[in-house]
N, C-alpha and C. Protein backbone atom coordinates (compact mmCIF):
# COMPACT_ATOMS: atom_id res chain seq x y z
N MET A 1 40.35 -180.21 -49.37
CA MET A 1 39.55 -180.62 -48.25
C MET A 1 38.19 -179.95 -48.36
N ARG A 2 37.19 -180.60 -47.81
CA ARG A 2 35.83 -180.07 -47.87
C ARG A 2 35.16 -180.29 -46.52
N ILE A 3 34.44 -179.28 -46.06
CA ILE A 3 33.65 -179.42 -44.83
C ILE A 3 32.25 -178.88 -45.08
N GLU A 4 31.28 -179.43 -44.35
CA GLU A 4 29.90 -178.95 -44.39
C GLU A 4 29.54 -178.44 -43.01
N VAL A 5 28.73 -177.37 -42.99
CA VAL A 5 28.36 -176.74 -41.72
C VAL A 5 26.85 -176.50 -41.72
N GLU A 6 26.20 -176.93 -40.67
CA GLU A 6 24.78 -176.63 -40.48
C GLU A 6 24.64 -175.21 -39.96
N GLY A 7 23.70 -174.46 -40.50
CA GLY A 7 23.47 -173.09 -40.07
C GLY A 7 24.13 -172.10 -41.00
N PRO A 8 23.91 -170.82 -40.77
CA PRO A 8 24.50 -169.78 -41.63
C PRO A 8 25.98 -169.55 -41.31
N PRO A 9 26.74 -169.09 -42.30
CA PRO A 9 28.15 -168.79 -42.06
C PRO A 9 28.34 -167.49 -41.30
N PRO A 10 29.50 -167.31 -40.67
CA PRO A 10 29.79 -166.02 -40.03
C PRO A 10 29.90 -164.93 -41.10
N ILE A 11 29.45 -163.75 -40.76
CA ILE A 11 29.46 -162.62 -41.69
C ILE A 11 30.44 -161.58 -41.18
N LYS A 12 31.30 -161.13 -42.06
CA LYS A 12 32.23 -160.06 -41.68
C LYS A 12 31.59 -158.73 -42.08
N ASN A 13 30.89 -158.14 -41.14
CA ASN A 13 30.21 -156.87 -41.43
C ASN A 13 30.23 -155.92 -40.23
N THR A 14 31.11 -156.20 -39.28
CA THR A 14 31.25 -155.32 -38.13
C THR A 14 32.72 -155.00 -37.93
N ALA A 15 32.99 -153.95 -37.20
CA ALA A 15 34.38 -153.59 -36.91
C ALA A 15 35.00 -154.54 -35.88
N LYS A 16 34.16 -155.25 -35.14
CA LYS A 16 34.65 -156.17 -34.10
C LYS A 16 35.29 -157.39 -34.75
N SER A 17 36.46 -157.76 -34.27
CA SER A 17 37.19 -158.90 -34.81
C SER A 17 36.40 -160.19 -34.62
N MET A 18 36.50 -161.08 -35.59
CA MET A 18 35.84 -162.39 -35.50
C MET A 18 36.38 -163.18 -34.31
N ARG A 19 37.56 -162.83 -33.85
CA ARG A 19 38.19 -163.54 -32.74
C ARG A 19 37.84 -162.95 -31.38
N SER A 20 37.09 -161.86 -31.38
CA SER A 20 36.75 -161.19 -30.12
C SER A 20 35.65 -161.93 -29.38
N GLU A 21 35.79 -161.94 -28.07
CA GLU A 21 34.74 -162.50 -27.24
C GLU A 21 33.47 -161.67 -27.42
N GLY A 22 32.34 -162.33 -27.48
CA GLY A 22 31.08 -161.62 -27.61
C GLY A 22 30.78 -161.14 -29.02
N HIS A 23 31.47 -161.69 -30.03
CA HIS A 23 31.17 -161.31 -31.41
C HIS A 23 29.71 -161.68 -31.71
N PRO A 24 28.99 -160.83 -32.46
CA PRO A 24 27.57 -161.11 -32.73
C PRO A 24 27.33 -162.44 -33.46
N HIS A 25 28.33 -162.99 -34.12
CA HIS A 25 28.16 -164.26 -34.82
C HIS A 25 28.90 -165.40 -34.13
N ALA A 26 29.01 -165.33 -32.82
CA ALA A 26 29.76 -166.33 -32.06
C ALA A 26 29.24 -167.75 -32.31
N GLN A 27 27.93 -167.93 -32.40
CA GLN A 27 27.38 -169.27 -32.64
C GLN A 27 27.76 -169.78 -34.03
N ARG A 28 27.77 -168.89 -35.01
CA ARG A 28 28.15 -169.28 -36.37
C ARG A 28 29.63 -169.66 -36.42
N ILE A 29 30.44 -168.90 -35.72
CA ILE A 29 31.88 -169.18 -35.65
C ILE A 29 32.11 -170.53 -34.98
N ALA A 30 31.39 -170.79 -33.89
CA ALA A 30 31.53 -172.06 -33.17
C ALA A 30 31.13 -173.24 -34.05
N ALA A 31 30.07 -173.11 -34.84
CA ALA A 31 29.64 -174.19 -35.73
C ALA A 31 30.69 -174.48 -36.79
N LEU A 32 31.28 -173.43 -37.36
CA LEU A 32 32.33 -173.61 -38.35
C LEU A 32 33.56 -174.26 -37.72
N ARG A 33 33.95 -173.81 -36.55
CA ARG A 33 35.11 -174.41 -35.87
C ARG A 33 34.87 -175.88 -35.52
N GLU A 34 33.64 -176.20 -35.14
CA GLU A 34 33.33 -177.60 -34.84
C GLU A 34 33.51 -178.46 -36.09
N ALA A 35 33.02 -177.99 -37.23
CA ALA A 35 33.20 -178.73 -38.49
C ALA A 35 34.68 -178.84 -38.85
N MET A 36 35.43 -177.77 -38.61
CA MET A 36 36.87 -177.76 -38.91
C MET A 36 37.63 -178.76 -38.05
N SER A 37 37.15 -179.00 -36.84
CA SER A 37 37.87 -179.89 -35.92
C SER A 37 37.86 -181.34 -36.41
N THR A 38 37.03 -181.66 -37.40
CA THR A 38 36.99 -183.02 -37.94
C THR A 38 38.07 -183.25 -39.00
N VAL A 39 38.73 -182.19 -39.44
CA VAL A 39 39.77 -182.31 -40.48
C VAL A 39 41.08 -182.74 -39.83
N PRO A 40 41.68 -183.83 -40.30
CA PRO A 40 42.95 -184.26 -39.72
C PRO A 40 44.04 -183.20 -39.92
N PRO A 41 44.91 -183.02 -38.93
CA PRO A 41 45.96 -181.99 -39.04
C PRO A 41 46.82 -182.11 -40.30
N GLU A 42 47.04 -183.32 -40.78
CA GLU A 42 47.88 -183.48 -41.97
C GLU A 42 47.22 -182.94 -43.24
N GLU A 43 45.93 -182.63 -43.20
CA GLU A 43 45.24 -182.06 -44.36
C GLU A 43 45.25 -180.53 -44.36
N ARG A 44 45.74 -179.92 -43.29
CA ARG A 44 45.82 -178.46 -43.25
C ARG A 44 46.78 -177.96 -44.33
N LEU A 45 46.52 -176.77 -44.84
CA LEU A 45 47.32 -176.24 -45.95
C LEU A 45 48.11 -175.02 -45.50
N GLU A 46 49.42 -175.07 -45.74
CA GLU A 46 50.31 -173.99 -45.33
C GLU A 46 51.20 -173.55 -46.49
N GLY A 47 51.38 -172.23 -46.62
CA GLY A 47 52.34 -171.68 -47.56
C GLY A 47 52.07 -171.98 -49.02
N GLN A 48 50.80 -172.16 -49.37
CA GLN A 48 50.45 -172.48 -50.75
C GLN A 48 49.40 -171.51 -51.26
N ARG A 49 49.42 -171.28 -52.56
CA ARG A 49 48.33 -170.52 -53.19
C ARG A 49 47.10 -171.43 -53.20
N LEU A 50 45.95 -170.87 -52.81
CA LEU A 50 44.77 -171.69 -52.60
C LEU A 50 43.56 -171.22 -53.39
N SER A 51 42.69 -172.18 -53.66
CA SER A 51 41.38 -171.91 -54.23
C SER A 51 40.35 -172.25 -53.16
N MET A 52 39.34 -171.38 -53.02
CA MET A 52 38.25 -171.64 -52.08
C MET A 52 36.94 -171.62 -52.86
N VAL A 53 36.16 -172.67 -52.70
CA VAL A 53 34.84 -172.77 -53.29
C VAL A 53 33.86 -172.83 -52.13
N MET A 54 32.80 -172.05 -52.23
CA MET A 54 31.79 -172.01 -51.16
C MET A 54 30.41 -172.09 -51.80
N HIS A 55 29.56 -172.96 -51.26
CA HIS A 55 28.17 -173.04 -51.68
C HIS A 55 27.30 -172.89 -50.44
N TYR A 56 26.29 -172.05 -50.54
CA TYR A 56 25.43 -171.74 -49.40
C TYR A 56 23.97 -171.98 -49.78
N GLU A 57 23.33 -172.90 -49.09
CA GLU A 57 21.88 -173.11 -49.18
C GLU A 57 21.31 -172.23 -48.09
N ARG A 58 20.56 -171.20 -48.46
CA ARG A 58 20.23 -170.16 -47.48
C ARG A 58 18.78 -169.75 -47.50
N GLN A 59 18.37 -169.28 -46.34
CA GLN A 59 17.10 -168.58 -46.24
C GLN A 59 17.37 -167.14 -46.66
N PRO A 60 16.35 -166.44 -47.15
CA PRO A 60 16.58 -165.05 -47.57
C PRO A 60 17.14 -164.19 -46.43
N SER A 61 18.15 -163.38 -46.75
CA SER A 61 18.73 -162.45 -45.78
C SER A 61 19.44 -161.34 -46.53
N GLN A 62 19.98 -160.38 -45.79
CA GLN A 62 20.66 -159.24 -46.38
C GLN A 62 22.14 -159.48 -46.65
N ALA A 63 22.72 -160.52 -46.09
CA ALA A 63 24.16 -160.75 -46.22
C ALA A 63 24.55 -161.00 -47.67
N ASP A 64 25.66 -160.36 -48.08
CA ASP A 64 26.12 -160.56 -49.46
C ASP A 64 27.29 -161.54 -49.49
N ALA A 65 27.57 -162.04 -50.68
CA ALA A 65 28.57 -163.09 -50.87
C ALA A 65 29.94 -162.70 -50.33
N LEU A 66 30.38 -161.47 -50.54
CA LEU A 66 31.72 -161.09 -50.09
C LEU A 66 31.84 -161.03 -48.58
N ASN A 67 30.81 -160.53 -47.89
CA ASN A 67 30.86 -160.53 -46.42
C ASN A 67 30.85 -161.95 -45.88
N LEU A 68 30.10 -162.84 -46.53
CA LEU A 68 30.08 -164.24 -46.11
C LEU A 68 31.44 -164.90 -46.32
N ALA A 69 32.01 -164.71 -47.50
CA ALA A 69 33.32 -165.32 -47.79
C ALA A 69 34.40 -164.79 -46.86
N ASN A 70 34.40 -163.49 -46.61
CA ASN A 70 35.40 -162.90 -45.71
C ASN A 70 35.23 -163.42 -44.29
N GLY A 71 33.99 -163.59 -43.84
CA GLY A 71 33.76 -164.13 -42.51
C GLY A 71 34.30 -165.54 -42.37
N VAL A 72 34.02 -166.38 -43.36
CA VAL A 72 34.53 -167.75 -43.34
C VAL A 72 36.06 -167.77 -43.39
N ALA A 73 36.64 -166.98 -44.30
CA ALA A 73 38.10 -166.95 -44.45
C ALA A 73 38.79 -166.53 -43.16
N ASP A 74 38.22 -165.57 -42.46
CA ASP A 74 38.82 -165.14 -41.19
C ASP A 74 38.84 -166.27 -40.16
N VAL A 75 37.79 -167.07 -40.14
CA VAL A 75 37.69 -168.12 -39.13
C VAL A 75 38.57 -169.33 -39.47
N ILE A 76 38.71 -169.67 -40.74
CA ILE A 76 39.45 -170.90 -41.09
C ILE A 76 40.96 -170.73 -41.06
N GLN A 77 41.44 -169.52 -40.91
CA GLN A 77 42.89 -169.30 -40.93
C GLN A 77 43.51 -169.44 -39.54
N ARG A 78 44.78 -169.85 -39.53
CA ARG A 78 45.53 -169.96 -38.28
C ARG A 78 45.94 -168.58 -37.78
N ARG A 79 46.33 -167.69 -38.68
CA ARG A 79 46.81 -166.35 -38.30
C ARG A 79 45.78 -165.69 -37.38
N GLY A 80 46.19 -165.42 -36.16
CA GLY A 80 45.31 -164.79 -35.19
C GLY A 80 44.38 -165.75 -34.47
N ASN A 81 44.40 -167.03 -34.86
CA ASN A 81 43.53 -168.04 -34.26
C ASN A 81 44.33 -169.25 -33.79
N ALA A 82 45.52 -169.05 -33.33
CA ALA A 82 46.44 -170.16 -33.04
C ALA A 82 45.86 -171.21 -32.10
N ASP A 83 44.98 -170.82 -31.20
CA ASP A 83 44.43 -171.77 -30.22
C ASP A 83 43.17 -172.47 -30.71
N ALA A 84 42.66 -172.10 -31.87
CA ALA A 84 41.42 -172.66 -32.40
C ALA A 84 41.74 -173.60 -33.57
N PRO A 85 40.80 -174.48 -33.93
CA PRO A 85 41.02 -175.29 -35.14
C PRO A 85 41.26 -174.38 -36.34
N TRP A 86 42.07 -174.83 -37.28
CA TRP A 86 42.32 -174.05 -38.49
C TRP A 86 42.50 -174.99 -39.67
N LEU A 87 42.27 -174.46 -40.88
CA LEU A 87 42.42 -175.24 -42.11
C LEU A 87 43.57 -174.72 -42.97
N ILE A 88 43.78 -173.40 -42.96
CA ILE A 88 44.83 -172.78 -43.77
C ILE A 88 45.65 -171.87 -42.87
N ASP A 89 46.89 -171.61 -43.26
CA ASP A 89 47.73 -170.78 -42.40
C ASP A 89 47.37 -169.30 -42.49
N ASP A 90 46.96 -168.82 -43.66
CA ASP A 90 46.70 -167.39 -43.82
C ASP A 90 45.71 -167.18 -44.97
N ASP A 91 44.66 -166.41 -44.73
CA ASP A 91 43.68 -166.20 -45.80
C ASP A 91 44.22 -165.39 -46.97
N HIS A 92 45.39 -164.77 -46.80
CA HIS A 92 46.02 -164.09 -47.93
C HIS A 92 46.42 -165.07 -49.03
N ASN A 93 46.52 -166.35 -48.68
CA ASN A 93 46.88 -167.37 -49.67
C ASN A 93 45.72 -167.77 -50.56
N ILE A 94 44.50 -167.33 -50.24
CA ILE A 94 43.36 -167.61 -51.11
C ILE A 94 43.43 -166.62 -52.28
N VAL A 95 43.75 -167.14 -53.44
CA VAL A 95 43.92 -166.28 -54.62
C VAL A 95 42.85 -166.55 -55.68
N GLU A 96 42.01 -167.54 -55.43
CA GLU A 96 40.92 -167.86 -56.34
C GLU A 96 39.71 -168.20 -55.49
N PHE A 97 38.55 -167.69 -55.88
CA PHE A 97 37.35 -167.90 -55.08
C PHE A 97 36.14 -168.06 -55.99
N HIS A 98 35.29 -169.04 -55.66
CA HIS A 98 34.04 -169.24 -56.40
C HIS A 98 32.93 -169.43 -55.38
N TYR A 99 31.81 -168.74 -55.59
CA TYR A 99 30.70 -168.77 -54.64
C TYR A 99 29.40 -169.02 -55.40
N THR A 100 28.57 -169.90 -54.85
CA THR A 100 27.22 -170.09 -55.37
C THR A 100 26.27 -170.15 -54.19
N GLU A 101 25.01 -169.82 -54.45
CA GLU A 101 24.00 -169.93 -53.40
C GLU A 101 22.67 -170.31 -54.02
N ARG A 102 21.81 -170.82 -53.16
CA ARG A 102 20.47 -171.19 -53.57
C ARG A 102 19.55 -170.93 -52.38
N ILE A 103 18.39 -170.36 -52.65
CA ILE A 103 17.40 -170.15 -51.59
C ILE A 103 16.86 -171.51 -51.17
N ALA A 104 16.80 -171.74 -49.87
CA ALA A 104 16.39 -173.03 -49.33
C ALA A 104 15.57 -172.82 -48.06
N SER A 105 15.05 -173.91 -47.53
CA SER A 105 14.22 -173.82 -46.33
C SER A 105 15.04 -173.79 -45.04
N ARG A 106 16.32 -174.13 -45.13
CA ARG A 106 17.20 -174.08 -43.97
C ARG A 106 18.58 -173.63 -44.42
N ASP A 107 19.36 -173.11 -43.49
CA ASP A 107 20.71 -172.64 -43.78
C ASP A 107 21.73 -173.75 -43.55
N TRP A 108 22.58 -173.97 -44.53
CA TRP A 108 23.75 -174.82 -44.39
C TRP A 108 24.68 -174.47 -45.55
N TYR A 109 25.96 -174.78 -45.39
CA TYR A 109 26.92 -174.45 -46.45
C TYR A 109 28.08 -175.43 -46.43
N TRP A 110 28.80 -175.45 -47.53
CA TRP A 110 30.04 -176.21 -47.58
C TRP A 110 31.12 -175.32 -48.17
N ILE A 111 32.34 -175.62 -47.76
CA ILE A 111 33.50 -174.96 -48.35
C ILE A 111 34.49 -176.04 -48.76
N GLU A 112 35.20 -175.75 -49.82
CA GLU A 112 36.25 -176.64 -50.28
C GLU A 112 37.49 -175.80 -50.52
N ILE A 113 38.59 -176.23 -49.97
CA ILE A 113 39.87 -175.53 -50.13
C ILE A 113 40.83 -176.50 -50.80
N ARG A 114 41.51 -176.02 -51.84
CA ARG A 114 42.51 -176.87 -52.49
C ARG A 114 43.68 -176.03 -52.97
N PRO A 115 44.84 -176.64 -53.01
CA PRO A 115 46.01 -175.91 -53.51
C PRO A 115 45.91 -175.73 -55.02
N LEU A 116 46.51 -174.65 -55.50
CA LEU A 116 46.55 -174.40 -56.95
C LEU A 116 47.86 -174.90 -57.53
């Protein structure tokens, strides 16, 4: 499955949980969840080893690839997010990851998740 999101991805760089009210990246989390809500439930992936590919067209910033990937992985999982849209049951199932980025005039990104 593949989704595209306008704006920057959530960044995991604070001790505060991505699921906490008032998280500094709440708008980024909401944008990702909105994109996730377009995925039909039958396309969700459970109990499988997964590959995640992420491409980010970005404006210059300090965020590094691992904080970006971890932020996205936290939001797309069901574990701890049972009431929110989800794509995978647990981010521990992501065993392969590929990330690319390009400097651009606006922020947007896509992620693709597939079983191995």
